[in-house]
Protein backbone atom coordinates (compact mmCIF):
# COMPACT_ATOMS: atom_id res chain seq x y z
CA MET A 1 -18.50 11.23 -2.33
CA ALA A 2 -19.68 14.56 -1.00
CA PRO A 3 -22.48 16.31 -2.97
CA THR A 4 -20.97 18.90 -5.88
CA GLY A 5 -20.63 22.06 -4.22
CA SER A 6 -21.21 21.63 -1.11
CA LEU A 7 -18.60 23.93 0.66
CA LEU A 8 -16.94 23.14 4.24
CA LEU A 9 -14.16 25.53 6.05
CA PHE A 10 -11.78 23.65 7.84
CA ARG A 11 -10.45 26.59 10.61
CA ASN A 12 -8.36 27.08 13.97
CA LEU A 13 -5.68 24.43 12.80
CA ARG A 14 -2.02 23.87 11.81
CA LEU A 15 -1.53 22.68 8.75
CA LEU A 16 1.11 19.82 7.83
CA ASP A 17 1.02 19.81 4.33
CA PRO A 18 4.01 16.92 4.00
CA ARG A 19 5.95 20.01 1.76
CA PHE A 20 6.22 21.58 4.79
CA ASP A 21 8.96 21.00 7.52
CA GLU A 22 6.64 21.46 10.35
CA ALA A 23 3.02 21.93 11.46
CA ARG A 24 1.84 25.37 10.37
CA GLY A 25 -0.42 27.66 12.34
CA GLY A 26 -3.05 30.08 10.99
CA TYR A 27 -3.70 28.10 8.52
CA GLU A 28 -7.58 27.85 6.64
CA VAL A 29 -8.92 25.06 4.06
CA LEU A 30 -11.85 25.13 1.97
CA VAL A 31 -13.48 22.21 0.45
CA GLU A 32 -15.83 21.97 -2.26
CA GLY A 33 -17.48 18.91 -3.27
CA ASP A 34 -15.05 16.65 -3.21
CA ARG A 35 -11.83 18.80 -4.20
CA ILE A 36 -10.12 21.08 -2.14
CA ARG A 37 -10.68 24.80 -3.29
CA GLU A 38 -8.80 27.38 -1.49
CA VAL A 39 -5.37 26.98 0.97
CA SER A 40 -4.59 29.75 2.86
CA ASP A 41 -2.43 31.06 6.42
CA GLY A 42 -5.07 33.47 6.41
CA PRO A 43 -9.10 33.96 6.83
CA ILE A 44 -10.78 32.46 4.14
CA LYS A 45 -14.25 33.99 3.18
CA ALA A 46 -16.89 31.88 1.88
CA ASP A 47 -20.13 32.74 1.75
CA GLY A 48 -22.27 29.31 3.08
CA ALA A 49 -19.95 27.26 3.91
CA ALA A 50 -20.13 25.29 6.91
CA ALA A 51 -17.54 25.70 9.26
CA ILE A 52 -15.37 22.79 10.80
CA ASP A 53 -13.87 24.35 14.19
CA CYS A 54 -10.57 22.36 14.43
CA ASP A 55 -9.58 23.42 18.14
CA GLY A 56 -6.01 23.39 17.35
CA ARG A 57 -5.71 20.41 15.78
CA VAL A 58 -3.28 19.24 12.72
CA LEU A 59 -4.70 19.00 9.58
CA MET A 60 -3.08 16.55 7.45
CA PRO A 61 -3.49 14.68 4.12
CA GLY A 62 -4.91 11.31 4.15
CA LEU A 63 -2.43 8.57 4.75
CA ILE A 64 -1.22 6.27 1.79
CA ASP A 65 -0.62 2.49 2.30
CA SER A 66 1.24 1.19 -1.14
CA HIS A 67 1.26 -2.69 -0.30
CA VAL A 68 -1.50 -4.25 1.20
CA HIS A 69 -3.67 -7.77 0.60
CA CYS A 70 -7.33 -6.64 1.11
CA MET A 71 -8.23 -10.21 0.48
CA HIS A 72 -5.99 -12.52 2.31
CA SER A 73 -7.60 -13.02 5.69
CA GLU A 74 -5.77 -15.46 6.74
CA VAL A 75 -1.99 -15.53 8.06
CA TYR A 76 -0.87 -18.94 6.73
CA MET A 77 -2.07 -18.73 3.54
CA ARG A 78 -3.23 -22.41 3.04
CA ARG A 79 -5.83 -22.13 5.29
CA MET A 80 -7.24 -20.12 2.14
CA GLU A 81 -7.81 -23.19 0.52
CA ASP A 82 -11.06 -23.71 2.66
CA VAL A 83 -12.55 -19.94 2.62
CA PRO A 84 -15.12 -20.09 -0.14
CA LEU A 85 -14.51 -16.49 -2.19
CA THR A 86 -18.06 -15.45 -0.47
CA LEU A 87 -16.70 -15.16 3.13
CA ALA A 88 -13.27 -14.05 1.35
CA THR A 89 -15.39 -11.24 0.55
CA ALA A 90 -17.08 -10.33 3.53
CA ARG A 91 -13.49 -10.53 5.44
CA CYS A 92 -12.01 -8.20 2.73
CA ALA A 93 -14.86 -5.87 3.76
CA VAL A 94 -14.15 -5.88 7.35
CA ARG A 95 -10.54 -4.99 6.52
CA LEU A 96 -11.11 -2.24 4.24
CA LYS A 97 -13.24 -0.39 6.95
CA SER A 98 -10.84 -0.87 9.18
CA MET A 99 -7.99 0.45 6.92
CA LEU A 100 -10.10 3.24 6.23
CA ASP A 101 -10.41 3.62 10.23
CA ARG A 102 -6.44 4.12 11.16
CA GLY A 103 -6.49 7.08 8.21
CA PHE A 104 -5.91 5.51 5.70
CA THR A 105 -7.61 7.05 2.67
CA THR A 106 -5.79 5.33 -0.10
CA VAL A 107 -4.46 1.93 -0.75
CA ARG A 108 -2.46 -0.04 -3.37
CA ASP A 109 -3.51 -3.84 -3.53
CA THR A 110 -0.36 -5.77 -4.49
CA GLY A 111 -2.47 -8.83 -5.30
CA GLY A 112 -5.27 -10.74 -4.83
CA THR A 113 -8.32 -8.20 -4.97
CA ASP A 114 -10.14 -8.00 -8.07
CA TRP A 115 -12.57 -5.01 -9.89
CA GLY A 116 -15.48 -6.26 -8.56
CA VAL A 117 -14.28 -5.32 -4.66
CA LYS A 118 -13.07 -1.54 -6.69
CA THR A 119 -16.14 -1.36 -8.06
CA ALA A 120 -18.26 -2.35 -4.66
CA LEU A 121 -16.07 0.55 -3.18
CA GLU A 122 -16.86 3.52 -5.58
CA GLN A 123 -20.48 2.51 -5.65
CA GLY A 124 -20.76 3.16 -1.95
CA LEU A 125 -21.79 -0.85 -1.36
CA ILE A 126 -18.81 -0.58 1.08
CA VAL A 127 -16.44 1.15 3.04
CA GLY A 128 -13.57 1.86 2.78
CA PRO A 129 -9.99 3.79 1.15
CA ARG A 130 -9.80 4.81 -2.49
CA LEU A 131 -8.59 1.39 -4.12
CA PHE A 132 -5.60 0.68 -6.91
CA ILE A 133 -5.43 -3.36 -7.83
CA ALA A 134 -3.19 -5.66 -9.38
CA GLY A 135 -5.74 -8.50 -9.90
CA ARG A 136 -3.50 -11.46 -9.48
CA SER A 137 -0.28 -11.78 -8.11
CA ILE A 138 1.74 -13.52 -11.48
CA GLY A 139 4.94 -16.29 -10.47
CA PRO A 140 6.15 -18.71 -12.12
CA THR A 141 5.85 -22.80 -11.11
CA GLY A 142 7.35 -23.39 -7.74
CA GLY A 143 7.99 -19.50 -6.96
CA HIS A 144 6.38 -16.97 -4.77
CA SER A 145 2.84 -17.21 -6.04
CA ASP A 146 2.78 -21.22 -5.74
CA GLY A 147 1.91 -21.96 -2.50
CA ARG A 148 0.53 -25.74 -3.34
CA GLY A 149 1.70 -28.16 -1.34
CA ARG A 150 3.97 -30.93 -2.98
CA THR A 151 1.13 -33.49 -3.95
CA ASN A 152 -0.92 -30.81 -5.09
CA GLN A 153 -1.44 -30.52 -9.06
CA GLY A 154 -3.35 -27.69 -9.21
CA TYR A 155 -6.80 -26.58 -8.57
CA PRO A 156 -9.76 -27.42 -10.89
CA CYS A 157 -10.52 -23.73 -11.44
CA TYR A 158 -10.77 -20.19 -9.83
CA CYS A 159 -13.97 -20.54 -7.72
CA CYS A 160 -13.26 -23.67 -6.03
CA ASN A 161 -11.36 -21.52 -3.47
CA ALA A 162 -10.31 -17.81 -2.12
CA PHE A 163 -6.35 -19.16 -2.39
CA ALA A 164 -6.81 -20.26 -5.95
CA ASN A 165 -8.44 -17.03 -6.79
CA LEU A 166 -5.51 -14.73 -5.33
CA ARG A 167 -2.39 -15.40 -7.63
CA GLU A 168 -1.70 -16.42 -11.31
CA MET A 169 0.91 -19.31 -11.90
CA VAL A 170 2.38 -18.79 -15.71
CA ASP A 171 5.91 -19.93 -17.45
CA GLY A 172 7.06 -18.60 -20.60
CA GLU A 173 6.93 -15.30 -22.37
CA GLU A 174 4.02 -16.24 -24.84
CA ASP A 175 2.02 -16.99 -22.16
CA LEU A 176 2.99 -14.78 -19.24
CA ARG A 177 1.98 -12.13 -22.32
CA ARG A 178 -1.51 -13.38 -22.54
CA VAL A 179 -1.72 -13.40 -18.24
CA VAL A 180 -0.51 -10.05 -18.27
CA ARG A 181 -3.21 -8.78 -20.69
CA GLU A 182 -5.99 -10.81 -18.96
CA GLN A 183 -5.27 -8.70 -15.43
CA MET A 184 -5.10 -5.54 -17.47
CA ARG A 185 -8.55 -6.86 -19.40
CA GLN A 186 -9.71 -7.14 -15.72
CA GLY A 187 -9.23 -3.66 -14.66
CA ALA A 188 -5.64 -3.80 -13.04
CA ASP A 189 -3.98 -0.30 -12.33
CA HIS A 190 -0.83 -2.39 -11.98
CA VAL A 191 0.88 -6.17 -12.74
CA LYS A 192 2.61 -7.82 -9.92
CA ILE A 193 5.14 -10.37 -10.92
CA MET A 194 7.28 -12.69 -8.52
CA VAL A 195 10.72 -12.50 -9.08
CA SER A 196 12.79 -13.67 -6.21
CA GLY A 197 11.34 -16.14 -3.41
CA GLY A 198 9.93 -15.30 -0.55
CA VAL A 199 8.64 -15.75 3.46
CA ALA A 200 5.08 -17.18 3.23
CA SER A 201 5.84 -19.32 0.09
CA PRO A 202 6.54 -22.88 1.53
CA PHE A 203 9.53 -24.33 -1.30
CA ASP A 204 11.34 -21.19 -2.99
CA PRO A 205 14.72 -20.22 -1.17
CA LEU A 206 14.64 -16.49 -0.26
CA ASP A 207 17.50 -16.03 -3.16
CA SER A 208 15.88 -17.78 -5.57
CA LEU A 209 15.27 -15.90 -9.14
CA GLN A 210 12.34 -16.19 -10.71
CA PHE A 211 10.97 -15.19 -13.94
CA SER A 212 13.85 -15.31 -16.51
CA VAL A 213 14.93 -11.77 -18.03
CA GLY A 214 12.56 -12.53 -21.21
CA GLU A 215 9.82 -12.95 -19.20
CA ILE A 216 10.12 -9.61 -17.10
CA GLN A 217 10.72 -7.32 -20.32
CA THR A 218 7.57 -9.10 -21.22
CA ALA A 219 5.42 -8.41 -18.31
CA VAL A 220 7.02 -4.82 -18.43
CA GLU A 221 6.54 -4.37 -22.07
CA GLU A 222 2.79 -5.34 -22.29
CA ALA A 223 2.26 -3.36 -18.91
CA GLU A 224 3.59 -0.30 -20.45
CA ALA A 225 1.88 -0.94 -23.48
CA PHE A 226 -1.54 -0.67 -22.06
CA GLY A 227 -0.30 2.60 -19.94
CA ARG A 228 0.31 0.59 -16.39
CA TYR A 229 3.55 -0.44 -14.89
CA VAL A 230 4.79 -3.55 -12.99
CA CYS A 231 5.72 -3.50 -9.45
CA ALA A 232 8.32 -6.96 -8.57
CA HIS A 233 7.88 -8.66 -5.37
CA ALA A 234 11.79 -8.58 -4.60
CA TYR A 235 13.97 -9.50 -1.84
CA GLY A 236 17.67 -10.29 -2.80
CA ALA A 237 20.34 -7.56 -4.57
CA GLU A 238 20.35 -9.51 -7.94
CA ALA A 239 16.57 -10.46 -8.09
CA ILE A 240 16.17 -6.11 -8.06
CA GLU A 241 18.88 -6.04 -10.31
CA ARG A 242 17.04 -7.80 -12.79
CA ALA A 243 13.76 -6.31 -12.23
CA VAL A 244 14.92 -2.72 -12.23
CA ALA A 245 17.46 -3.12 -15.20
CA ASN A 246 14.45 -4.53 -17.34
CA GLY A 247 12.18 -1.81 -16.54
CA VAL A 248 10.16 -2.81 -13.30
CA ARG A 249 9.07 0.86 -11.69
CA THR A 250 8.44 -0.18 -8.04
CA ILE A 251 10.19 -3.05 -5.73
CA GLU A 252 8.64 -4.67 -2.92
CA HIS A 253 10.25 -5.83 0.32
CA GLY A 254 13.79 -5.01 -1.08
CA ASN A 255 15.18 -6.00 1.96
CA LEU A 256 18.14 -7.41 1.02
CA ILE A 257 19.47 -4.84 -1.22
CA ASP A 258 23.05 -2.96 -1.11
CA ASP A 259 24.32 0.20 -2.43
CA SER A 260 24.86 -0.42 -6.15
CA ARG A 261 21.19 -2.06 -6.50
CA ALA A 262 19.97 1.24 -4.57
CA GLU A 263 22.11 3.57 -6.83
CA LEU A 264 20.55 1.52 -9.58
CA MET A 265 17.44 2.48 -8.45
CA ALA A 266 18.13 6.20 -7.66
CA ARG A 267 19.26 6.15 -11.42
CA GLU A 268 16.15 4.72 -12.81
CA GLY A 269 13.58 6.41 -10.74
CA ALA A 270 12.02 3.30 -9.26
CA TYR A 271 10.64 3.22 -6.07
CA LEU A 272 11.05 0.87 -3.04
CA VAL A 273 8.06 -0.15 -0.99
CA ALA A 274 8.95 -1.27 1.97
CA ASN A 275 6.79 -3.08 4.94
CA LEU A 276 9.07 -3.55 8.03
CA VAL A 277 5.81 -4.09 10.22
CA ALA A 278 4.98 -7.19 8.34
CA TYR A 279 8.25 -9.14 9.69
CA VAL A 280 7.89 -7.79 13.06
CA ALA A 281 4.35 -8.97 13.45
CA MET A 282 5.05 -12.08 12.02
CA LYS A 283 7.79 -12.88 14.13
CA GLU A 284 5.72 -11.79 17.51
CA ARG A 285 2.55 -13.55 16.50
CA ALA A 286 2.72 -15.64 13.35
CA ALA A 287 3.34 -18.87 14.61
CA GLU A 288 -0.09 -18.56 16.49
CA TYR A 289 -1.98 -18.40 13.19
CA GLY A 290 -0.48 -21.70 11.95
CA MET A 291 2.40 -20.34 10.09
CA PRO A 292 4.96 -23.25 10.11
CA ALA A 293 8.75 -23.08 11.25
CA GLU A 294 10.36 -23.15 7.59
CA MET A 295 8.15 -20.18 6.67
CA LEU A 296 9.33 -18.13 10.34
CA GLU A 297 12.91 -18.95 9.77
CA LYS A 298 12.58 -17.04 6.00
CA ASN A 299 10.95 -14.18 7.95
CA ASP A 300 14.07 -13.69 10.51
CA MET A 301 16.33 -14.08 7.55
CA VAL A 302 14.69 -10.60 6.52
CA LEU A 303 13.66 -8.56 9.38
CA GLU A 304 17.50 -7.00 9.76
CA GLY A 305 17.94 -6.63 6.56
CA GLY A 306 14.58 -4.35 6.09
CA TYR A 307 16.38 -1.75 9.02
CA ARG A 308 19.11 -1.64 7.01
CA SER A 309 17.77 -1.42 3.52
CA LEU A 310 15.95 1.64 4.97
CA GLU A 311 19.36 2.80 5.35
CA ILE A 312 21.11 1.91 2.15
CA CYS A 313 18.32 3.46 0.18
CA LYS A 314 18.31 6.90 1.91
CA ARG A 315 22.22 7.25 1.23
CA ALA A 316 21.44 6.30 -2.27
CA GLY A 317 18.05 8.60 -3.00
CA VAL A 318 15.74 6.31 -3.69
CA LYS A 319 12.27 6.97 -3.16
CA VAL A 320 10.87 4.71 0.00
CA ALA A 321 6.88 4.52 -0.14
CA TYR A 322 4.80 3.22 3.17
CA GLY A 323 3.65 -0.27 2.93
CA SER A 324 1.95 -2.61 5.04
CA ASP A 325 1.69 -6.10 3.61
CA LEU A 326 0.12 -7.69 6.61
CA LEU A 327 -1.81 -10.92 6.37
CA GLY A 328 -5.27 -11.93 8.43
CA ALA A 329 -5.34 -11.01 11.86
CA LEU A 330 -1.86 -9.02 11.55
CA LEU A 331 -3.69 -6.17 10.05
CA ASP A 332 -4.40 -4.38 13.48
CA ASP A 333 -0.83 -3.68 13.14
CA GLN A 334 -0.54 -1.33 9.93
CA SER A 335 -0.02 1.45 11.73
CA ARG A 336 2.91 0.60 13.73
CA GLU A 337 4.82 0.96 10.56
CA PHE A 338 5.53 4.25 11.55
CA SER A 339 7.19 4.02 14.84
CA ILE A 340 9.03 1.22 13.54
CA ARG A 341 10.90 3.22 11.02
CA THR A 342 11.69 6.43 13.08
CA GLU A 343 13.82 4.04 14.07
CA VAL A 344 16.10 4.13 11.02
CA VAL A 345 14.49 7.99 9.69
CA SER A 346 12.81 10.93 10.85
CA PRO A 347 9.06 11.30 11.59
CA LEU A 348 8.84 13.57 8.71
CA GLU A 349 10.73 11.37 6.00
CA VAL A 350 7.70 8.61 6.96
CA ILE A 351 4.92 10.88 6.47
CA ARG A 352 6.18 11.77 3.14
CA SER A 353 6.14 8.17 2.38
CA ALA A 354 2.66 8.01 3.46
CA THR A 355 1.81 10.89 1.69
CA LEU A 356 3.88 12.45 -1.24
CA ILE A 357 5.76 9.30 -2.16
CA GLY A 358 2.54 7.09 -2.00
CA ALA A 359 0.55 9.38 -4.15
CA GLU A 360 3.56 9.33 -7.08
CA VAL A 361 3.66 5.31 -6.84
CA VAL A 362 -0.37 5.51 -7.37
CA ARG A 363 0.57 8.23 -9.93
CA ARG A 364 -1.79 10.87 -8.51
CA PRO A 365 0.77 13.55 -7.61
CA GLY A 366 -0.59 16.99 -7.15
CA LYS A 367 -4.00 15.14 -6.58
CA LEU A 368 -2.96 12.99 -3.31
CA GLY A 369 -0.81 13.19 -0.35
CA VAL A 370 -1.13 16.92 -0.34
CA VAL A 371 -3.15 19.98 0.96
CA GLU A 372 -3.40 22.19 -2.45
CA PRO A 373 -6.57 23.72 -4.47
CA GLY A 374 -7.00 20.81 -6.96
CA ALA A 375 -6.15 17.97 -4.83
CA TRP A 376 -8.68 15.43 -4.11
CA ALA A 377 -10.47 16.12 -0.27
CA ASP A 378 -8.60 13.28 1.60
CA LEU A 379 -7.76 14.88 4.61
CA ILE A 380 -7.20 13.38 8.13
CA VAL A 381 -7.23 15.73 11.88
CA VAL A 382 -4.78 14.71 14.07
CA ASP A 383 -5.33 15.59 18.03
CA ASP A 384 -1.66 17.12 17.95
CA ASP A 385 1.68 16.64 15.73
CA PRO A 386 2.46 13.86 14.33
CA LEU A 387 6.42 15.35 14.01
CA GLN A 388 6.30 15.03 17.68
CA ASP A 389 4.59 12.28 18.51
CA ILE A 390 4.16 9.78 15.86
CA THR A 391 2.00 7.30 17.68
CA LEU A 392 -0.56 9.92 17.13
CA LEU A 393 -1.25 7.80 13.78
CA GLU A 394 -1.10 4.51 15.36
CA GLY A 395 -3.59 3.37 17.94
CA GLN A 396 -6.62 2.37 15.67
CA GLY A 397 -7.49 6.00 14.53
CA ARG A 398 -8.06 6.64 17.78
CA HIS A 399 -6.18 10.02 18.06
CA LEU A 400 -8.10 11.13 14.45
CA ALA A 401 -10.68 13.45 15.41
CA ALA A 402 -11.58 13.59 11.79
CA ILE A 403 -11.34 11.40 8.63
CA MET A 404 -12.45 12.32 5.13
CA LYS A 405 -12.69 10.58 1.86
CA ASP A 406 -13.75 12.39 -1.50
CA GLY A 407 -14.82 15.28 0.36
CA SER A 408 -17.04 13.12 2.64
CA PHE A 409 -16.78 12.99 6.40
CA HIS A 410 -16.07 8.72 7.77
CA LYS A 411 -15.54 10.25 10.94
CA ASN A 412 -15.96 13.39 12.94
CA ARG A 413 -15.72 14.60 16.00
CA LEU A 414 -14.97 18.20 15.85
CA HIS A 415 -17.53 20.68 16.42
């Protein structure tokens, strides 16, 4: 965080506030401490400010990835059984720094990362984005949170291996009520539940329905009573309907959605967090990291549907946030979601999904995802206009001349 009262004046830039339709020249942006103090389409007078010459580059809000797994450092998750929590946390720190290196100044972890990692970031002990956490992802026995082999009757404790620590298995409304309350006691910003089958789980069909309606309602009731909300892993249309009709705020993945369920989401104000890059990357490379054939077959089933889901949600008016959901070494592809999505939607729509809509998902509109007075000073400076070439937001951050989080430079090659 920048020292309180310090002034930085960005000059000679094109401003890409995602509420615009284009990058606009002639703007200047004044940062004071960790906030944006002034944005002007003309010169700003600020005595004592250090001037930052952007040399005509594009300044825009820091990027928001609304679906990451910071602690998931293996592509084939069963391999996490052999990883102690100490090693998993060290890997997590490397993963977090790499996200900030790519310009993601905010990420939303959807299962597995706890308050300890979040506190380490806030205290500057490790380097990474602003972090919102779910704690352990929650699912029923035999569902997407249950990655045990068939002969494994359970783990003796959470500390025995990193795999056991990432998720929680629970059955029944009263036990679920206790578990949801515990995640919130542990500092969760949102609660993650599984309501359908998944790719990276061994025994549940994709179209399986997980958690009863009563269990879903219980999770939502407890989260909302605590001032939090529920996000739900869901692929199939029926699972999406069961979740959204019972108060779930965000649907993660949603690849097999149909028109009527998209219209339901739009009516209820629910968000879709899409992550097509995960399925592309798994199809290309997951086998070499040990992911078995049965999981890759399920991946093929949802890959094509992912593109179609974007078209369906656009027609219905559903707000779609940017997600990546990349496990292990596949995280290198985090920024590829930009160019993958532009096969279906415009570059501006993808950028809005990673700024404006992401800010709404984490419930920080006006503070994140915009360049306006009072917003947090999370900014990136891009070598040229990503609306004209979306791949400028890819390449492991090589096209980013500056990355600022909380008013402090993580990277700066400007004068």
